[in-house]
C-alpha cells in the first residue's frame, strides 16, 4: 500500500456547543459518505462545553 493512501488530509474543522446528538450525526455521515473518501471526526473538550467536528479526505 502506498504511504500517500494511508494519510488523512484535514479539509475542515468547526467547533460547536457540546451536544450528545452530534455523535449520531457523525456516524450517519461516515456511513453515508465513505464511498466519497470523506471521514468525519468528533472531539469533546473536557474542560469546556464544546465539541469539534473535523472533516478528512482519504
N, C-alpha and C. Protein backbone atom coordinates (compact mmCIF):
# COMPACT_ATOMS: atom_id res chain seq x y z
N UNK A 1 0.84 -1.18 0.00
CA UNK A 1 0.00 0.00 0.00
C UNK A 1 0.89 1.25 0.00
N UNK A 2 0.56 2.21 -0.79
CA UNK A 2 1.31 3.45 -0.92
C UNK A 2 1.13 4.29 0.34
N UNK A 3 2.21 4.92 0.80
CA UNK A 3 2.16 5.75 2.01
C UNK A 3 1.16 6.90 1.86
N UNK A 4 1.03 7.44 0.67
CA UNK A 4 0.10 8.54 0.40
C UNK A 4 -1.34 8.11 0.69
N UNK A 5 -1.69 6.85 0.45
CA UNK A 5 -3.05 6.36 0.67
C UNK A 5 -3.37 6.23 2.15
N UNK A 6 -2.36 6.15 3.01
CA UNK A 6 -2.57 5.98 4.44
C UNK A 6 -2.88 7.29 5.15
N UNK A 7 -2.68 8.40 4.50
CA UNK A 7 -2.80 9.70 5.15
C UNK A 7 -4.21 10.26 5.07
N UNK A 8 -4.61 10.91 6.16
CA UNK A 8 -5.86 11.65 6.19
C UNK A 8 -5.51 13.13 6.03
N UNK A 9 -6.23 13.81 5.17
CA UNK A 9 -6.00 15.23 4.98
C UNK A 9 -7.16 15.99 5.60
N UNK A 10 -6.87 16.82 6.58
CA UNK A 10 -7.89 17.63 7.21
C UNK A 10 -8.34 18.70 6.23
N UNK A 11 -9.64 18.72 5.93
CA UNK A 11 -10.14 19.71 4.97
C UNK A 11 -11.04 20.76 5.63
N UNK A 12 -11.53 20.50 6.85
CA UNK A 12 -12.34 21.49 7.55
C UNK A 12 -12.47 21.11 9.02
N UNK A 13 -12.67 22.13 9.84
CA UNK A 13 -12.84 21.92 11.28
C UNK A 13 -13.76 23.02 11.80
N UNK A 14 -14.70 22.66 12.68
CA UNK A 14 -15.64 23.64 13.24
C UNK A 14 -16.00 23.23 14.65
N UNK A 15 -16.02 24.19 15.56
CA UNK A 15 -16.34 23.93 16.96
C UNK A 15 -17.75 24.45 17.26
N UNK A 16 -18.50 23.64 18.02
CA UNK A 16 -19.88 23.95 18.39
C UNK A 16 -20.07 23.74 19.89
N UNK A 17 -21.17 24.25 20.41
CA UNK A 17 -21.57 23.94 21.77
C UNK A 17 -21.81 22.43 21.84
N UNK A 18 -21.36 21.79 22.92
CA UNK A 18 -21.47 20.33 23.04
C UNK A 18 -22.93 19.88 22.96
N UNK A 19 -23.14 18.80 22.20
CA UNK A 19 -24.46 18.21 22.04
C UNK A 19 -24.26 16.72 21.81
N UNK A 20 -24.79 15.86 22.70
CA UNK A 20 -24.59 14.42 22.54
C UNK A 20 -25.17 13.86 21.23
N UNK A 21 -26.09 14.54 20.62
CA UNK A 21 -26.69 14.08 19.36
C UNK A 21 -25.69 14.14 18.20
N UNK A 22 -24.65 14.95 18.34
CA UNK A 22 -23.66 15.06 17.26
C UNK A 22 -23.00 13.71 16.95
N UNK A 23 -22.88 12.85 17.95
CA UNK A 23 -22.29 11.53 17.74
C UNK A 23 -23.08 10.76 16.68
N UNK A 24 -24.39 10.83 16.74
CA UNK A 24 -25.24 10.11 15.78
C UNK A 24 -25.14 10.72 14.39
N UNK A 25 -25.00 12.03 14.33
CA UNK A 25 -24.86 12.70 13.03
C UNK A 25 -23.54 12.32 12.38
N UNK A 26 -22.46 12.32 13.15
CA UNK A 26 -21.15 11.95 12.63
C UNK A 26 -21.15 10.50 12.14
N UNK A 27 -21.75 9.60 12.90
CA UNK A 27 -21.85 8.20 12.50
C UNK A 27 -22.61 8.06 11.18
N UNK A 28 -23.73 8.76 11.07
CA UNK A 28 -24.53 8.74 9.84
C UNK A 28 -23.72 9.26 8.65
N UNK A 29 -23.03 10.38 8.83
CA UNK A 29 -22.23 10.95 7.74
C UNK A 29 -21.11 10.01 7.32
N UNK A 30 -20.43 9.40 8.29
CA UNK A 30 -19.34 8.47 7.95
C UNK A 30 -19.85 7.28 7.15
N UNK A 31 -20.98 6.72 7.56
CA UNK A 31 -21.53 5.57 6.85
C UNK A 31 -22.02 5.95 5.45
N UNK A 32 -22.58 7.15 5.33
CA UNK A 32 -23.16 7.59 4.07
C UNK A 32 -22.12 8.04 3.05
N UNK A 33 -21.05 8.68 3.51
CA UNK A 33 -20.10 9.31 2.59
C UNK A 33 -18.76 8.59 2.48
N UNK A 34 -18.66 7.40 3.04
CA UNK A 34 -17.42 6.63 2.98
C UNK A 34 -16.97 6.42 1.53
N UNK A 35 -17.90 6.15 0.65
CA UNK A 35 -17.56 5.88 -0.75
C UNK A 35 -16.97 7.11 -1.45
N UNK A 36 -17.17 8.29 -0.89
CA UNK A 36 -16.61 9.53 -1.45
C UNK A 36 -15.24 9.85 -0.84
N UNK A 37 -14.72 8.93 0.00
CA UNK A 37 -13.42 9.08 0.64
C UNK A 37 -13.38 10.30 1.57
N UNK A 38 -14.50 10.50 2.27
CA UNK A 38 -14.62 11.56 3.26
C UNK A 38 -14.89 10.90 4.61
N UNK A 39 -14.21 11.39 5.66
CA UNK A 39 -14.40 10.85 7.00
C UNK A 39 -14.58 12.01 7.97
N UNK A 40 -15.47 11.83 8.93
CA UNK A 40 -15.75 12.86 9.92
C UNK A 40 -15.26 12.39 11.28
N UNK A 41 -14.72 13.32 12.05
CA UNK A 41 -14.28 13.02 13.41
C UNK A 41 -14.93 14.00 14.37
N UNK A 42 -15.05 13.58 15.62
CA UNK A 42 -15.68 14.42 16.64
C UNK A 42 -14.86 14.34 17.92
N UNK A 43 -14.51 15.48 18.45
CA UNK A 43 -13.79 15.52 19.73
C UNK A 43 -14.56 16.43 20.69
N UNK A 44 -14.45 16.10 21.97
CA UNK A 44 -15.10 16.90 23.01
C UNK A 44 -14.04 17.45 23.95
N UNK A 45 -14.11 18.73 24.20
CA UNK A 45 -13.22 19.37 25.16
C UNK A 45 -13.76 19.07 26.56
N UNK A 46 -12.97 18.40 27.37
CA UNK A 46 -13.42 18.02 28.72
C UNK A 46 -13.66 19.22 29.62
N UNK A 47 -12.81 20.23 29.51
CA UNK A 47 -12.92 21.39 30.39
C UNK A 47 -13.84 22.48 29.85
N UNK A 48 -14.33 22.30 28.64
CA UNK A 48 -15.25 23.27 28.03
C UNK A 48 -16.50 22.52 27.59
N UNK A 49 -17.54 23.25 27.34
CA UNK A 49 -18.78 22.64 26.84
C UNK A 49 -18.81 22.77 25.32
N UNK A 50 -17.75 22.22 24.67
CA UNK A 50 -17.61 22.33 23.22
C UNK A 50 -17.23 21.00 22.58
N UNK A 51 -17.66 20.86 21.35
CA UNK A 51 -17.28 19.69 20.53
C UNK A 51 -16.78 20.24 19.19
N UNK A 52 -15.78 19.56 18.63
CA UNK A 52 -15.23 19.97 17.35
C UNK A 52 -15.44 18.86 16.33
N UNK A 53 -15.98 19.24 15.18
CA UNK A 53 -16.15 18.32 14.06
C UNK A 53 -14.99 18.56 13.10
N UNK A 54 -14.29 17.48 12.74
CA UNK A 54 -13.23 17.54 11.74
C UNK A 54 -13.66 16.74 10.53
N UNK A 55 -13.35 17.25 9.36
CA UNK A 55 -13.66 16.56 8.11
C UNK A 55 -12.35 16.25 7.42
N UNK A 56 -12.18 14.97 7.08
CA UNK A 56 -10.95 14.49 6.46
C UNK A 56 -11.25 13.88 5.09
N UNK A 57 -10.26 13.95 4.22
CA UNK A 57 -10.30 13.25 2.94
C UNK A 57 -9.21 12.19 2.98
N UNK A 58 -9.52 10.99 2.50
CA UNK A 58 -8.53 9.92 2.49
C UNK A 58 -8.46 9.25 1.14
